[in-house]
Amino acid sequence: MEQTVERRVVDLIARTQEIPPETIDLDQSIDQVVPSSLGLVNLFFDLEDEFDLDIRNDINKEKTIREIALDIKQLMNKKN
């Protein structure tokens, strides 16, 4: 079964931040979960690898995790 984009984003954040995925709320802003600028940069690189996209210019730290997943879905649709 294919994982949803939201689930993949949450799982990746959980892995990179070494926190349980169930503690991550999709409506949290990304900078609440990944507080350091370096951590955000690294997360965006990991998201690019995970989804095979160039997202750095399309996602900012003021977004929620749900909004980031939506942005990724839109970028994936544009790519296909």
Protein backbone atom coordinates (compact mmCIF):
# COMPACT_ATOMS: atom_id res chain seq x y z
CA MET A 1 0.00 0.00 0.00
CA GLU A 2 1.32 3.43 -0.96
CA GLN A 3 1.97 5.83 1.90
CA THR A 4 0.36 9.23 1.72
CA VAL A 5 2.58 12.25 1.20
CA GLU A 6 1.60 13.47 4.67
CA ARG A 7 2.69 10.19 6.25
CA ARG A 8 5.98 10.18 4.36
CA VAL A 9 6.70 13.77 5.42
CA VAL A 10 5.88 13.00 9.07
CA ASP A 11 8.00 9.83 9.01
CA LEU A 12 10.94 11.71 7.51
CA ILE A 13 10.67 14.50 10.09
CA ALA A 14 10.45 11.92 12.89
CA ARG A 15 13.56 10.12 11.61
CA THR A 16 15.63 13.26 11.12
CA GLN A 17 14.59 14.85 14.42
CA GLU A 18 14.71 11.55 16.32
CA ILE A 19 11.20 11.97 17.72
CA PRO A 20 8.20 9.63 17.66
CA PRO A 21 6.00 10.26 14.62
CA GLU A 22 2.87 10.20 16.77
CA THR A 23 4.08 13.39 18.51
CA ILE A 24 4.00 15.32 15.22
CA ASP A 25 0.81 17.24 14.44
CA LEU A 26 0.19 18.06 10.78
CA ASP A 27 -1.02 21.51 11.81
CA GLN A 28 2.20 22.44 13.62
CA SER A 29 4.45 24.89 11.86
CA ILE A 30 7.60 23.21 10.62
CA ASP A 31 9.82 25.49 12.71
CA GLN A 32 8.10 24.22 15.87
CA VAL A 33 9.19 20.69 15.04
CA VAL A 34 12.55 21.56 13.45
CA PRO A 35 13.73 24.57 15.46
CA SER A 36 17.17 25.16 13.93
CA SER A 37 17.82 26.77 10.57
CA LEU A 38 20.41 24.12 9.75
CA GLY A 39 17.91 21.41 10.64
CA LEU A 40 15.38 22.96 8.25
CA VAL A 41 17.90 23.12 5.43
CA ASN A 42 18.83 19.49 5.98
CA LEU A 43 15.17 18.50 6.17
CA PHE A 44 14.44 20.22 2.85
CA PHE A 45 17.36 18.34 1.25
CA ASP A 46 15.97 15.09 2.68
CA LEU A 47 12.49 15.92 1.37
CA GLU A 48 13.97 16.61 -2.06
CA ASP A 49 15.65 13.20 -2.01
CA GLU A 50 12.53 11.45 -0.70
CA PHE A 51 10.24 12.91 -3.36
CA ASP A 52 12.78 13.52 -6.15
CA LEU A 53 11.84 17.22 -6.33
CA ASP A 54 13.50 20.62 -6.12
CA ILE A 55 11.53 22.22 -3.30
CA ARG A 56 13.87 24.70 -1.62
CA ASN A 57 12.43 27.72 -3.39
CA ASP A 58 8.82 26.62 -2.95
CA ILE A 59 8.61 25.92 0.78
CA ASN A 60 9.28 28.25 3.67
CA LYS A 61 9.55 27.80 7.41
CA GLU A 62 6.27 29.58 8.18
CA LYS A 63 4.25 26.72 6.76
CA THR A 64 2.58 23.90 8.62
CA ILE A 65 3.54 20.32 7.97
CA ARG A 66 0.18 19.82 6.24
CA GLU A 67 0.88 22.80 3.93
CA ILE A 68 4.33 21.44 3.11
CA ALA A 69 2.78 18.07 2.19
CA LEU A 70 0.25 19.89 -0.01
CA ASP A 71 3.05 21.86 -1.70
CA ILE A 72 4.91 18.60 -2.35
CA LYS A 73 1.76 17.05 -3.87
CA GLN A 74 1.36 20.05 -6.17
CA LEU A 75 5.02 19.90 -7.23
CA MET A 76 4.67 16.17 -7.91
CA ASN A 77 1.61 16.83 -10.08
CA LYS A 78 3.48 19.52 -12.04
CA LYS A 79 6.38 17.13 -12.56
CA ASN A 80 4.13 14.37 -13.96
